[in-house]
Amino acid sequence: MKIEGKGKVLVIFIGDSDRWKHKPLHEAIVESAHAHGMAGATVTRGIMGFGANSRVHTASILRLSEDLPVRIEIIDTAERIDSFLPLLDEMVQEGLVATWEVTIEKYSHAKT
């Protein structure tokens, strides 16, 4: 797959303890993105953050949280991102889903 030109960034902020059908939500989202034919996805776990409820979650040993922030980022064509959003609307019960336009300078991989 090779993608260049106009694209879209999709970023999803959820909690580490969020679930979808008895599975960690971040895993379910990445697996769904893969099945949807997306170019790729990256999941990162934050060490500190807060969301709409204003409760601070942290990895500090003194205040160890069980619900650290998780960020999922996907960059692909606008068409693929837009067609994936209805599924995310169903999956993400609490969190933030945002998109913005991006110019993809290069995305390619070696053929295997």
Foldseek 3Di string as FASTA:
>chain_A
DKDFFKKKKKKWKFWQPADDPNHGLVVVLQVVCVVLVFLHKDKDWDQWDDDDVRDIAHCDPVRHHPITMMMMMGMGHHVSVVVCVVVVVVRPPDTDIDMDMDGGHIDDDDDD
